[in-house]
């Protein structure tokens, strides 16, 4: 009987330790902001349409916006030779892409002949 109690205690302590490690590794930082009621209503409506909570929706939108800003400001590093090759390609004549040329020649949806097979 004593062995069962000791084993159960060890299992319990092991689970507690894993939970504590998980909680220690997972550091979440609350962000609080004041928003006008109209903004909150719009966020709640959009979150509802996506089937998300307000918190999940706002977190995802904020992270996506942050990623966009970081991508816009990312540095591209290359050797002087690589940069010279890059500039040479940019300075040279453009090579037509047949699929793009064909697409540009098609009539726009508001022009006569749109949808007609050539």
Protein backbone atom coordinates (compact mmCIF):
# COMPACT_ATOMS: atom_id res chain seq x y z
CA UNK A 1 0.00 0.00 0.00
CA UNK A 2 2.87 2.33 0.88
CA UNK A 3 4.54 1.61 -2.48
CA UNK A 4 1.42 2.64 -4.38
CA UNK A 5 1.25 5.92 -2.47
CA UNK A 6 4.93 6.66 -3.10
CA UNK A 7 4.63 5.76 -6.79
CA UNK A 8 1.54 7.92 -7.15
CA UNK A 9 3.34 10.81 -5.47
CA UNK A 10 6.35 10.44 -7.79
CA UNK A 11 4.10 10.41 -10.85
CA UNK A 12 2.25 13.47 -9.54
CA UNK A 13 5.52 15.34 -8.91
CA UNK A 14 6.82 14.37 -12.34
CA UNK A 15 3.67 15.75 -13.97
CA UNK A 16 3.91 18.92 -11.91
CA UNK A 17 7.54 19.38 -12.95
CA UNK A 18 6.61 18.97 -16.64
CA UNK A 19 3.79 21.47 -16.23
CA UNK A 20 6.12 23.94 -14.54
CA UNK A 21 8.72 23.55 -17.29
CA UNK A 22 6.05 24.01 -19.96
CA UNK A 23 4.75 27.12 -18.20
CA UNK A 24 8.28 28.47 -17.76
CA UNK A 25 9.10 27.91 -21.44
CA UNK A 26 5.84 29.48 -22.55
CA UNK A 27 6.24 33.11 -21.67
CA UNK A 28 3.20 35.07 -22.68
CA UNK A 29 3.04 38.80 -22.29
CA UNK A 30 -0.33 40.51 -22.02
CA UNK A 31 -0.96 43.56 -24.18
CA UNK A 32 -3.67 45.94 -23.14
CA UNK A 33 -5.13 48.70 -25.28
CA UNK A 34 -8.04 51.05 -25.19
CA UNK A 35 -10.21 51.08 -28.29
CA UNK A 36 -13.34 52.94 -29.26
CA UNK A 37 -16.50 50.86 -29.04
CA UNK A 38 -16.94 50.99 -32.82
CA UNK A 39 -13.48 49.46 -33.36
CA UNK A 40 -14.17 46.67 -30.87
CA UNK A 41 -17.52 45.96 -32.55
CA UNK A 42 -15.85 45.74 -35.96
CA UNK A 43 -13.09 43.47 -34.63
CA UNK A 44 -15.65 41.23 -32.92
CA UNK A 45 -17.72 41.01 -36.09
CA UNK A 46 -14.69 40.11 -38.23
CA UNK A 47 -13.43 37.62 -35.64
CA UNK A 48 -16.87 36.00 -35.57
CA UNK A 49 -16.89 35.66 -39.35
CA UNK A 50 -13.55 33.85 -39.13
CA UNK A 51 -14.72 31.71 -36.21
CA UNK A 52 -11.97 33.13 -33.99
CA UNK A 53 -11.90 34.78 -30.61
CA UNK A 54 -11.17 38.49 -30.41
CA UNK A 55 -7.77 37.75 -28.87
CA UNK A 56 -6.79 35.27 -31.59
CA UNK A 57 -8.01 37.58 -34.33
CA UNK A 58 -6.15 40.64 -33.01
CA UNK A 59 -2.98 38.65 -32.29
CA UNK A 60 -2.94 37.18 -35.80
CA UNK A 61 -3.56 40.57 -37.42
CA UNK A 62 -0.85 42.26 -35.34
CA UNK A 63 1.71 39.53 -36.05
CA UNK A 64 0.90 39.63 -39.78
CA UNK A 65 1.34 43.42 -39.84
CA UNK A 66 4.63 43.13 -37.94
CA UNK A 67 5.91 40.49 -40.39
CA UNK A 68 5.03 42.77 -43.32
CA UNK A 69 6.98 45.67 -41.82
CA UNK A 70 9.98 43.47 -41.08
CA UNK A 71 9.95 42.02 -44.60
CA UNK A 72 9.83 45.53 -46.10
CA UNK A 73 12.92 46.52 -44.16
CA UNK A 74 14.96 43.37 -44.63
CA UNK A 75 18.48 43.74 -45.91
CA UNK A 76 19.67 41.79 -48.91
CA UNK A 77 23.38 41.07 -48.77
CA UNK A 78 25.45 40.06 -51.76
CA UNK A 79 29.01 40.19 -52.95
CA UNK A 80 30.18 43.06 -55.17
CA UNK A 81 30.33 40.62 -58.07
CA UNK A 82 26.79 39.43 -57.39
CA UNK A 83 25.55 43.02 -57.20
CA UNK A 84 27.28 43.84 -60.52
CA UNK A 85 25.57 40.84 -62.14
CA UNK A 86 22.23 41.91 -60.65
CA UNK A 87 22.60 45.45 -61.99
CA UNK A 88 23.64 44.09 -65.40
CA UNK A 89 20.43 42.05 -65.65
CA UNK A 90 18.31 45.01 -64.54
CA UNK A 91 20.03 47.35 -67.02
CA UNK A 92 19.75 44.98 -69.96
CA UNK A 93 16.83 44.75 -72.36
CA UNK A 94 13.72 43.02 -71.14
CA UNK A 95 12.97 39.59 -72.55
CA UNK A 96 9.30 39.22 -73.50
CA UNK A 97 7.41 36.41 -71.79
CA UNK A 98 5.04 34.90 -74.40
CA UNK A 99 2.27 34.21 -71.86
CA UNK A 100 2.32 37.81 -70.63
CA UNK A 101 2.36 39.21 -74.18
CA UNK A 102 -0.69 37.06 -75.03
CA UNK A 103 -2.46 38.17 -71.85
CA UNK A 104 -1.89 41.86 -72.60
CA UNK A 105 -3.30 41.41 -76.12
CA UNK A 106 -6.58 39.98 -74.82
CA UNK A 107 -9.52 42.37 -74.69
CA UNK A 108 -10.49 43.60 -71.22
CA UNK A 109 -13.84 42.44 -69.79
CA UNK A 110 -15.43 45.80 -70.67
CA UNK A 111 -14.15 45.77 -74.28
CA UNK A 112 -15.90 44.25 -77.29
CA UNK A 113 -14.68 40.76 -78.10
CA UNK A 114 -14.09 39.78 -74.50
CA UNK A 115 -14.59 36.04 -74.05
CA UNK A 116 -14.35 35.32 -77.77
CA UNK A 117 -11.97 32.48 -78.67
CA UNK A 118 -9.15 33.48 -81.02
